[in-house]
Amino acid sequence: MTSRLAWLLLGATILVQICFPLTSGGTPALTTAAVLLFASAMLVDAATTRGLGAAAVLLVVAGGGGLLAEAIGVHTGFPFGEYDYTGTLGLEIAGVPILVPLAWIMMAWPAWNVARRLVGRHGHVATVAVGAWALTAWDVFLDPQMVDAGHWYWLHTTPNLPGVEGIPLTNFGGWLLVSVLMMTVLEATVGRSDSVPTLHTDAVPVAAYLWTYFSSVLAHAVFFGRAPVALTGALVMGAIAIPLAVSVVREIRTARRSGGHRVPTA
């Protein structure tokens, strides 16, 4: 069952993120609050739905793995390309703001849960592939927003995805590589004995992923002056988010028609 605390943390995250368009992309304080709340919601959800061991794995794999990847990346340029942080995101470890590995946590858990929902029983490899795409696709929205807010910058910005100016393709290649590694470990550990999820178990991360998708499209199209990013992101992340939304609607309709157990929302 899902946790009321996870829902409360996710709700608080959404309220904070709603303030981002009102501040031209967010302030450092809002960014910090959003990441802390979002990551906490996902850790609580992991602990509630799959046990403390799952939360510990998520913390180590996504948090520790994200910190390691970013530390290597910022000092060597591999695997993302050459970039640097500007010091606006607060305390750093090995040249990486603490908020950055927390951001990996906050979206790695939704990405993995979404992949398991969409793939079902079709195999671990497919889950890893879909999960890696789901996580990487989010960065199509994230990176332009953070660069525009002045939190980091790229030394070389071309070639780039159509419509996503200022962010090199190498960044997304690096994200895909790191995401594959994260999803592989999550699937091999947490997913090893896990059943096919339903809204009884994955409602929080599914809601988080869908909110992130639709709010990001709206924010970039209307508030951030990045309509081309909104379009490209809508297509890239929409390849996951739209089938996900369809699967949720179908599950809810099936539950209502069958007169079975109510689909829980908290």
C-alpha atoms as a PDB file:
ATOM      1  CA  MET A   1       0.000   0.000   0.000  1.00  0.00           C
ATOM      2  CA  THR A   2       1.096   3.551  -0.584  1.00  0.00           C
ATOM      3  CA  SER A   3       1.994   5.914   2.243  1.00  0.00           C
ATOM      4  CA  ARG A   4       0.132   9.037   3.314  1.00  0.00           C
ATOM      5  CA  LEU A   5       3.489  10.587   4.158  1.00  0.00           C
ATOM      6  CA  ALA A   6       4.746   9.948   0.613  1.00  0.00           C
ATOM      7  CA  TRP A   7       1.605  11.600  -0.770  1.00  0.00           C
ATOM      8  CA  LEU A   8       2.020  14.579   1.548  1.00  0.00           C
ATOM      9  CA  LEU A   9       5.648  15.025   0.504  1.00  0.00           C
ATOM     10  CA  LEU A  10       4.738  14.755  -3.168  1.00  0.00           C
ATOM     11  CA  GLY A  11       1.903  17.249  -2.689  1.00  0.00           C
ATOM     12  CA  ALA A  12       4.294  19.680  -1.024  1.00  0.00           C
ATOM     13  CA  THR A  13       6.702  19.196  -3.925  1.00  0.00           C
ATOM     14  CA  ILE A  14       3.993  20.100  -6.414  1.00  0.00           C
ATOM     15  CA  LEU A  15       3.057  23.227  -4.478  1.00  0.00           C
ATOM     16  CA  VAL A  16       6.690  24.360  -4.478  1.00  0.00           C
ATOM     17  CA  GLN A  17       7.117  23.595  -8.183  1.00  0.00           C
ATOM     18  CA  ILE A  18       4.006  25.608  -9.024  1.00  0.00           C
ATOM     19  CA  CYS A  19       5.957  28.613  -7.749  1.00  0.00           C
ATOM     20  CA  PHE A  20       8.740  28.100 -10.309  1.00  0.00           C
ATOM     21  CA  PRO A  21       6.981  29.840 -13.230  1.00  0.00           C
ATOM     22  CA  LEU A  22       6.183  32.736 -10.922  1.00  0.00           C
ATOM     23  CA  THR A  23       9.906  33.270 -10.298  1.00  0.00           C
ATOM     24  CA  SER A  24      11.177  32.916 -13.892  1.00  0.00           C
ATOM     25  CA  GLY A  25      12.300  29.322 -13.430  1.00  0.00           C
ATOM     26  CA  GLY A  26      12.744  29.100  -9.688  1.00  0.00           C
ATOM     27  CA  THR A  27      15.043  30.490  -7.015  1.00  0.00           C
ATOM     28  CA  PRO A  28      17.821  28.493  -5.300  1.00  0.00           C
ATOM     29  CA  ALA A  29      15.599  28.195  -2.217  1.00  0.00           C
ATOM     30  CA  LEU A  30      12.682  26.845  -4.236  1.00  0.00           C
ATOM     31  CA  THR A  31      14.961  24.457  -6.123  1.00  0.00           C
ATOM     32  CA  THR A  32      16.399  23.138  -2.874  1.00  0.00           C
ATOM     33  CA  ALA A  33      12.967  22.677  -1.326  1.00  0.00           C
ATOM     34  CA  ALA A  34      11.556  20.927  -4.396  1.00  0.00           C
ATOM     35  CA  VAL A  35      14.433  18.465  -4.694  1.00  0.00           C
ATOM     36  CA  LEU A  36      14.507  17.639  -0.972  1.00  0.00           C
ATOM     37  CA  LEU A  37      10.744  17.098  -0.826  1.00  0.00           C
ATOM     38  CA  PHE A  38      10.615  15.075  -4.065  1.00  0.00           C
ATOM     39  CA  ALA A  39      13.545  12.820  -3.135  1.00  0.00           C
ATOM     40  CA  SER A  40      12.099  12.278   0.344  1.00  0.00           C
ATOM     41  CA  ALA A  41       8.739  11.305  -1.148  1.00  0.00           C
ATOM     42  CA  MET A  42      10.371   8.678  -3.347  1.00  0.00           C
ATOM     43  CA  LEU A  43      12.481   7.231  -0.524  1.00  0.00           C
ATOM     44  CA  VAL A  44       9.430   7.026   1.730  1.00  0.00           C
ATOM     45  CA  ASP A  45       7.435   5.380  -1.040  1.00  0.00           C
ATOM     46  CA  ALA A  46      10.198   2.837  -1.672  1.00  0.00           C
ATOM     47  CA  ALA A  47      10.350   1.978   2.030  1.00  0.00           C
ATOM     48  CA  THR A  48       6.568   1.753   2.340  1.00  0.00           C
ATOM     49  CA  THR A  49       5.800  -0.299  -0.756  1.00  0.00           C
ATOM     50  CA  ARG A  50       8.882  -2.511  -0.961  1.00  0.00           C
ATOM     51  CA  GLY A  51      10.648  -2.292   2.379  1.00  0.00           C
ATOM     52  CA  LEU A  52      13.540  -0.445   3.957  1.00  0.00           C
ATOM     53  CA  GLY A  53      15.985  -2.495   1.892  1.00  0.00           C
ATOM     54  CA  ALA A  54      14.531  -1.066  -1.309  1.00  0.00           C
ATOM     55  CA  ALA A  55      14.875   2.474   0.026  1.00  0.00           C
ATOM     56  CA  ALA A  56      18.496   1.760   0.961  1.00  0.00           C
ATOM     57  CA  VAL A  57      19.189   0.392  -2.527  1.00  0.00           C
ATOM     58  CA  LEU A  58      17.602   3.462  -4.095  1.00  0.00           C
ATOM     59  CA  LEU A  59      19.682   5.753  -1.900  1.00  0.00           C
ATOM     60  CA  VAL A  60      22.933   3.974  -2.737  1.00  0.00           C
ATOM     61  CA  VAL A  61      22.304   3.257  -6.423  1.00  0.00           C
ATOM     62  CA  ALA A  62      20.640   6.509  -7.495  1.00  0.00           C
ATOM     63  CA  GLY A  63      22.121   8.823  -4.872  1.00  0.00           C
ATOM     64  CA  GLY A  64      25.592   7.344  -4.605  1.00  0.00           C
ATOM     65  CA  GLY A  65      25.695   6.372  -8.260  1.00  0.00           C
ATOM     66  CA  GLY A  66      24.515   9.806  -9.323  1.00  0.00           C
ATOM     67  CA  LEU A  67      27.149  11.493  -7.166  1.00  0.00           C
ATOM     68  CA  LEU A  68      29.894   9.264  -8.593  1.00  0.00           C
ATOM     69  CA  ALA A  69      28.789   9.833 -12.195  1.00  0.00           C
ATOM     70  CA  GLU A  70      28.562  13.601 -11.715  1.00  0.00           C
ATOM     71  CA  ALA A  71      31.910  13.804  -9.912  1.00  0.00           C
ATOM     72  CA  ILE A  72      33.603  11.926 -12.741  1.00  0.00           C
ATOM     73  CA  GLY A  73      31.714  13.992 -15.290  1.00  0.00           C
ATOM     74  CA  VAL A  74      32.514  17.412 -13.871  1.00  0.00           C
ATOM     75  CA  HIS A  75      36.233  16.589 -13.542  1.00  0.00           C
ATOM     76  CA  THR A  76      36.801  14.636 -16.776  1.00  0.00           C
ATOM     77  CA  GLY A  77      33.966  15.501 -19.174  1.00  0.00           C
ATOM     78  CA  PHE A  78      32.943  11.821 -19.352  1.00  0.00           C
ATOM     79  CA  PRO A  79      30.243  10.682 -19.949  1.00  0.00           C
ATOM     80  CA  PHE A  80      28.147  13.858 -20.264  1.00  0.00           C
ATOM     81  CA  GLY A  81      30.523  16.311 -21.925  1.00  0.00           C
ATOM     82  CA  GLU A  82      32.389  19.254 -20.450  1.00  0.00           C
ATOM     83  CA  TYR A  83      30.357  21.283 -17.970  1.00  0.00           C
ATOM     84  CA  ASP A  84      30.739  23.033 -14.629  1.00  0.00           C
ATOM     85  CA  TYR A  85      28.555  24.085 -11.716  1.00  0.00           C
ATOM     86  CA  THR A  86      28.356  27.753 -10.827  1.00  0.00           C
ATOM     87  CA  GLY A  87      28.078  27.412  -7.051  1.00  0.00           C
ATOM     88  CA  THR A  88      24.440  28.499  -6.788  1.00  0.00           C
ATOM     89  CA  LEU A  89      23.095  25.149  -5.574  1.00  0.00           C
ATOM     90  CA  GLY A  90      24.734  25.138  -2.175  1.00  0.00           C
ATOM     91  CA  LEU A  91      27.006  22.624  -0.439  1.00  0.00           C
ATOM     92  CA  GLU A  92      29.112  20.455  -2.740  1.00  0.00           C
ATOM     93  CA  ILE A  93      30.871  17.095  -2.479  1.00  0.00           C
ATOM     94  CA  ALA A  94      33.732  16.455  -4.906  1.00  0.00           C
ATOM     95  CA  GLY A  95      32.625  19.497  -6.899  1.00  0.00           C
ATOM     96  CA  VAL A  96      29.013  18.273  -7.146  1.00  0.00           C
ATOM     97  CA  PRO A  97      26.124  20.014  -5.328  1.00  0.00           C
ATOM     98  CA  ILE A  98      24.424  17.653  -2.875  1.00  0.00           C
ATOM     99  CA  LEU A  99      21.115  18.448  -4.549  1.00  0.00           C
ATOM    100  CA  VAL A 100      22.260  16.761  -7.766  1.00  0.00           C
ATOM    101  CA  PRO A 101      22.432  13.147  -6.494  1.00  0.00           C
ATOM    102  CA  LEU A 102      19.133  13.796  -4.689  1.00  0.00           C
ATOM    103  CA  ALA A 103      17.663  14.750  -8.065  1.00  0.00           C
ATOM    104  CA  TRP A 104      18.792  11.395  -9.463  1.00  0.00           C
ATOM    105  CA  ILE A 105      16.944   9.715  -6.582  1.00  0.00           C
ATOM    106  CA  MET A 106      13.774  11.704  -7.111  1.00  0.00           C
ATOM    107  CA  MET A 107      13.351  10.591 -10.734  1.00  0.00           C
ATOM    108  CA  ALA A 108      15.103   7.205 -10.787  1.00  0.00           C
ATOM    109  CA  TRP A 109      12.361   5.704  -8.619  1.00  0.00           C
ATOM    110  CA  PRO A 110       9.487   6.940 -10.808  1.00  0.00           C
ATOM    111  CA  ALA A 111      11.361   5.889 -13.962  1.00  0.00           C
ATOM    112  CA  TRP A 112      11.882   2.333 -12.708  1.00  0.00           C
ATOM    113  CA  ASN A 113       8.299   1.977 -11.471  1.00  0.00           C
ATOM    114  CA  VAL A 114       6.942   3.355 -14.730  1.00  0.00           C
ATOM    115  CA  ALA A 115       9.055   0.895 -16.700  1.00  0.00           C
ATOM    116  CA  ARG A 116       7.770  -2.061 -14.679  1.00  0.00           C
ATOM    117  CA  ARG A 117       4.182  -0.936 -15.223  1.00  0.00           C
ATOM    118  CA  LEU A 118       4.634  -0.558 -19.000  1.00  0.00           C
ATOM    119  CA  VAL A 119       6.764  -3.660 -19.551  1.00  0.00           C
ATOM    120  CA  GLY A 120       4.843  -5.991 -17.247  1.00  0.00           C
ATOM    121  CA  ARG A 121       6.180  -9.524 -17.503  1.00  0.00           C
ATOM    122  CA  HIS A 122       8.118  -8.999 -20.722  1.00  0.00           C
ATOM    123  CA  GLY A 123      11.510  -9.272 -19.050  1.00  0.00           C
ATOM    124  CA  HIS A 124      14.249  -7.533 -17.146  1.00  0.00           C
ATOM    125  CA  VAL A 125      16.075  -6.241 -20.226  1.00  0.00           C
ATOM    126  CA  ALA A 126      12.977  -4.449 -21.482  1.00  0.00           C
ATOM    127  CA  THR A 127      12.411  -2.932 -18.039  1.00  0.00           C
ATOM    128  CA  VAL A 128      15.967  -1.591 -17.961  1.00  0.00           C
ATOM    129  CA  ALA A 129      15.644  -0.132 -21.461  1.00  0.00           C
ATOM    130  CA  VAL A 130      12.302   1.569 -20.821  1.00  0.00           C
ATOM    131  CA  GLY A 131      13.401   2.798 -17.395  1.00  0.00           C
ATOM    132  CA  ALA A 132      16.608   4.273 -18.794  1.00  0.00           C
ATOM    133  CA  TRP A 133      14.665   6.100 -21.502  1.00  0.00           C
ATOM    134  CA  ALA A 134      12.119   7.329 -18.949  1.00  0.00           C
ATOM    135  CA  LEU A 135      14.851   8.794 -16.746  1.00  0.00           C
ATOM    136  CA  THR A 136      16.922  10.288 -19.571  1.00  0.00           C
ATOM    137  CA  ALA A 137      13.872  11.855 -21.217  1.00  0.00           C
ATOM    138  CA  TRP A 138      13.232  13.957 -18.129  1.00  0.00           C
ATOM    139  CA  ASP A 139      16.555  15.729 -18.614  1.00  0.00           C
ATOM    140  CA  VAL A 140      15.312  17.179 -21.905  1.00  0.00           C
ATOM    141  CA  PHE A 141      13.275  19.491 -19.661  1.00  0.00           C
ATOM    142  CA  LEU A 142      15.618  19.707 -16.679  1.00  0.00           C
ATOM    143  CA  ASP A 143      18.873  20.746 -18.284  1.00  0.00           C
ATOM    144  CA  PRO A 144      17.596  23.787 -20.226  1.00  0.00           C
ATOM    145  CA  GLN A 145      15.765  25.014 -17.134  1.00  0.00           C
ATOM    146  CA  MET A 146      18.831  24.695 -14.892  1.00  0.00           C
ATOM    147  CA  VAL A 147      21.175  26.246 -17.457  1.00  0.00           C
ATOM    148  CA  ASP A 148      18.803  29.163 -17.962  1.00  0.00           C
ATOM    149  CA  ALA A 149      18.649  29.591 -14.172  1.00  0.00           C
ATOM    150  CA  GLY A 150      22.449  29.771 -14.075  1.00  0.00           C
ATOM    151  CA  HIS A 151      23.100  26.653 -11.990  1.00  0.00           C
ATOM    152  CA  TRP A 152      25.541  25.089 -14.474  1.00  0.00           C
ATOM    153  CA  TYR A 153      26.871  25.672 -17.971  1.00  0.00           C
ATOM    154  CA  TRP A 154      28.277  23.691 -20.893  1.00  0.00           C
ATOM    155  CA  LEU A 155      31.609  24.399 -22.537  1.00  0.00           C
ATOM    156  CA  HIS A 156      30.480  22.885 -25.849  1.00  0.00           C
ATOM    157  CA  THR A 157      26.804  23.041 -26.746  1.00  0.00           C
ATOM    158  CA  THR A 158      26.653  21.438 -30.196  1.00  0.00           C
ATOM    159  CA  PRO A 159      25.480  19.196 -31.696  1.00  0.00           C
ATOM    160  CA  ASN A 160      22.179  19.309 -29.829  1.00  0.00           C
ATOM    161  CA  LEU A 161      18.713  17.845 -29.979  1.00  0.00           C
ATOM    162  CA  PRO A 162      16.355  19.761 -32.288  1.00  0.00           C
ATOM    163  CA  GLY A 163      14.802  22.555 -30.267  1.00  0.00           C
ATOM    164  CA  VAL A 164      17.031  22.005 -27.220  1.00  0.00           C
ATOM    165  CA  GLU A 165      19.656  24.652 -27.825  1.00  0.00           C
ATOM    166  CA  GLY A 166      22.521  25.029 -25.401  1.00  0.00           C
ATOM    167  CA  ILE A 167      22.569  21.384 -24.302  1.00  0.00           C
ATOM    168  CA  PRO A 168      24.920  19.003 -26.154  1.00  0.00           C
ATOM    169  CA  LEU A 169      23.877  15.563 -27.348  1.00  0.00           C
ATOM    170  CA  THR A 170      26.711  14.092 -25.299  1.00  0.00           C
ATOM    171  CA  ASN A 171      24.764  15.037 -22.176  1.00  0.00           C
ATOM    172  CA  PHE A 172      21.857  12.818 -23.118  1.00  0.00           C
ATOM    173  CA  GLY A 173      24.184  10.017 -24.164  1.00  0.00           C
ATOM    174  CA  GLY A 174      25.782  10.198 -20.735  1.00  0.00           C
ATOM    175  CA  TRP A 175      22.400  10.222 -19.038  1.00  0.00           C
ATOM    176  CA  LEU A 176      21.335   7.159 -20.993  1.00  0.00           C
ATOM    177  CA  LEU A 177      24.497   5.275 -20.004  1.00  0.00           C
ATOM    178  CA  VAL A 178      24.172   6.130 -16.313  1.00  0.00           C
ATOM    179  CA  SER A 179      20.434   5.432 -16.385  1.00  0.00           C
ATOM    180  CA  VAL A 180      20.991   1.977 -17.874  1.00  0.00           C
ATOM    181  CA  LEU A 181      23.398   1.145 -15.048  1.00  0.00           C
ATOM    182  CA  MET A 182      20.984   2.429 -12.389  1.00  0.00           C
ATOM    183  CA  MET A 183      17.986   0.603 -13.835  1.00  0.00           C
ATOM    184  CA  THR A 184      20.013  -2.600 -14.158  1.00  0.00           C
ATOM    185  CA  VAL A 185      20.897  -2.594 -10.469  1.00  0.00           C
ATOM    186  CA  LEU A 186      17.396  -1.615  -9.334  1.00  0.00           C
ATOM    187  CA  GLU A 187      15.861  -4.351 -11.460  1.00  0.00           C
ATOM    188  CA  ALA A 188      18.374  -6.949 -10.270  1.00  0.00           C
ATOM    189  CA  THR A 189      17.784  -6.128  -6.609  1.00  0.00           C
ATOM    190  CA  VAL A 190      14.426  -4.533  -5.857  1.00  0.00           C
ATOM    191  CA  GLY A 191      12.722  -6.013  -8.917  1.00  0.00           C
ATOM    192  CA  ARG A 192      14.077  -9.525  -8.540  1.00  0.00           C
ATOM    193  CA  SER A 193      11.121 -10.861  -6.550  1.00  0.00           C
ATOM    194  CA  ASP A 194       8.682  -8.029  -7.193  1.00  0.00           C
ATOM    195  CA  SER A 195       5.244  -8.698  -8.680  1.00  0.00           C
ATOM    196  CA  VAL A 196       3.703  -6.777 -11.555  1.00  0.00           C
ATOM    197  CA  PRO A 197       2.727  -3.406 -10.034  1.00  0.00           C
ATOM    198  CA  THR A 198      -0.742  -1.948  -9.713  1.00  0.00           C
ATOM    199  CA  LEU A 199      -1.947   1.388  -8.405  1.00  0.00           C
ATOM    200  CA  HIS A 200      -1.958  -0.244  -4.980  1.00  0.00           C
ATOM    201  CA  THR A 201       1.841  -0.121  -5.078  1.00  0.00           C
ATOM    202  CA  ASP A 202       3.026   2.384  -7.679  1.00  0.00           C
ATOM    203  CA  ALA A 203       0.528   5.246  -7.397  1.00  0.00           C
ATOM    204  CA  VAL A 204       2.995   7.744  -5.907  1.00  0.00           C
ATOM    205  CA  PRO A 205       5.849   7.335  -8.437  1.00  0.00           C
ATOM    206  CA  VAL A 206       3.377   7.112 -11.333  1.00  0.00           C
ATOM    207  CA  ALA A 207       1.682  10.329 -10.229  1.00  0.00           C
ATOM    208  CA  ALA A 208       5.104  11.949  -9.813  1.00  0.00           C
ATOM    209  CA  TYR A 209       6.140  10.993 -13.343  1.00  0.00           C
ATOM    210  CA  LEU A 210       2.920  12.187 -14.959  1.00  0.00           C
ATOM    211  CA  TRP A 211       2.963  15.458 -13.011  1.00  0.00           C
ATOM    212  CA  THR A 212       6.578  16.056 -14.032  1.00  0.00           C
ATOM    213  CA  TYR A 213       5.754  15.443 -17.683  1.00  0.00           C
ATOM    214  CA  PHE A 214       2.643  17.579 -18.044  1.00  0.00           C
ATOM    215  CA  SER A 215       3.877  20.402 -15.810  1.00  0.00           C
ATOM    216  CA  SER A 216       7.222  20.535 -17.654  1.00  0.00           C
ATOM    217  CA  VAL A 217       5.553  20.792 -21.060  1.00  0.00           C
ATOM    218  CA  LEU A 218       3.303  23.589 -19.794  1.00  0.00           C
ATOM    219  CA  ALA A 219       6.071  25.474 -17.982  1.00  0.00           C
ATOM    220  CA  HIS A 220       8.480  25.508 -20.932  1.00  0.00           C
ATOM    221  CA  ALA A 221       5.763  26.327 -23.464  1.00  0.00           C
ATOM    222  CA  VAL A 222       4.068  29.114 -21.516  1.00  0.00           C
ATOM    223  CA  PHE A 223       6.331  30.442 -18.769  1.00  0.00           C
ATOM    224  CA  PHE A 224      10.001  29.746 -19.546  1.00  0.00           C
ATOM    225  CA  GLY A 225      10.078  30.976 -23.145  1.00  0.00           C
ATOM    226  CA  ARG A 226      11.310  27.605 -24.367  1.00  0.00           C
ATOM    227  CA  ALA A 227       8.510  26.428 -26.670  1.00  0.00           C
ATOM    228  CA  PRO A 228      10.902  24.299 -28.796  1.00  0.00           C
ATOM    229  CA  VAL A 229      12.037  22.498 -25.615  1.00  0.00           C
ATOM    230  CA  ALA A 230       8.392  21.935 -24.706  1.00  0.00           C
ATOM    231  CA  LEU A 231       7.747  20.338 -28.102  1.00  0.00           C
ATOM    232  CA  THR A 232      10.845  18.134 -28.135  1.00  0.00           C
ATOM    233  CA  GLY A 233      10.349  17.117 -24.517  1.00  0.00           C
ATOM    234  CA  ALA A 234       6.678  16.406 -25.137  1.00  0.00           C
ATOM    235  CA  LEU A 235       7.702  13.924 -27.822  1.00  0.00           C
ATOM    236  CA  VAL A 236      10.702  12.339 -26.092  1.00  0.00           C
ATOM    237  CA  MET A 237       9.237  12.002 -22.594  1.00  0.00           C
ATOM    238  CA  GLY A 238       5.755  11.556 -24.017  1.00  0.00           C
ATOM    239  CA  ALA A 239       6.861   8.234 -25.497  1.00  0.00           C
ATOM    240  CA  ILE A 240       6.734   7.023 -21.897  1.00  0.00           C
ATOM    241  CA  ALA A 241       4.250   9.368 -20.241  1.00  0.00           C
ATOM    242  CA  ILE A 242       1.372   8.981 -22.728  1.00  0.00           C
ATOM    243  CA  PRO A 243       1.277   5.144 -22.657  1.00  0.00           C
ATOM    244  CA  LEU A 244       1.646   5.429 -18.887  1.00  0.00           C
ATOM    245  CA  ALA A 245      -1.397   7.702 -18.614  1.00  0.00           C
ATOM    246  CA  VAL A 246      -3.368   5.315 -20.826  1.00  0.00           C
ATOM    247  CA  SER A 247      -2.433   2.364 -18.614  1.00  0.00           C
ATOM    248  CA  VAL A 248      -3.578   4.201 -15.495  1.00  0.00           C
ATOM    249  CA  VAL A 249      -6.920   5.157 -17.037  1.00  0.00           C
ATOM    250  CA  ARG A 250      -7.467   1.578 -18.186  1.00  0.00           C
ATOM    251  CA  GLU A 251      -6.695   0.160 -14.750  1.00  0.00           C
ATOM    252  CA  ILE A 252      -9.082   2.567 -13.046  1.00  0.00           C
ATOM    253  CA  ARG A 253     -11.861   1.827 -15.557  1.00  0.00           C
ATOM    254  CA  THR A 254     -11.337  -1.925 -15.199  1.00  0.00           C
ATOM    255  CA  ALA A 255     -11.511  -1.685 -11.410  1.00  0.00           C
ATOM    256  CA  ARG A 256     -14.749   0.315 -11.595  1.00  0.00           C
ATOM    257  CA  ARG A 257     -16.375  -2.045 -14.097  1.00  0.00           C
ATOM    258  CA  SER A 258     -15.444  -5.128 -12.110  1.00  0.00           C
ATOM    259  CA  GLY A 259     -16.727  -3.642  -8.891  1.00  0.00           C
ATOM    260  CA  GLY A 260     -13.575  -4.859  -7.221  1.00  0.00           C
ATOM    261  CA  HIS A 261     -11.415  -3.197  -4.645  1.00  0.00           C
ATOM    262  CA  ARG A 262     -11.271   0.564  -4.836  1.00  0.00           C
ATOM    263  CA  VAL A 263      -8.055   1.858  -6.364  1.00  0.00           C
ATOM    264  CA  PRO A 264      -6.304   3.548  -3.450  1.00  0.00           C
ATOM    265  CA  THR A 265      -5.095   7.115  -3.670  1.00  0.00           C
ATOM    266  CA  ALA A 266      -3.491   7.338  -0.241  1.00  0.00           C
END
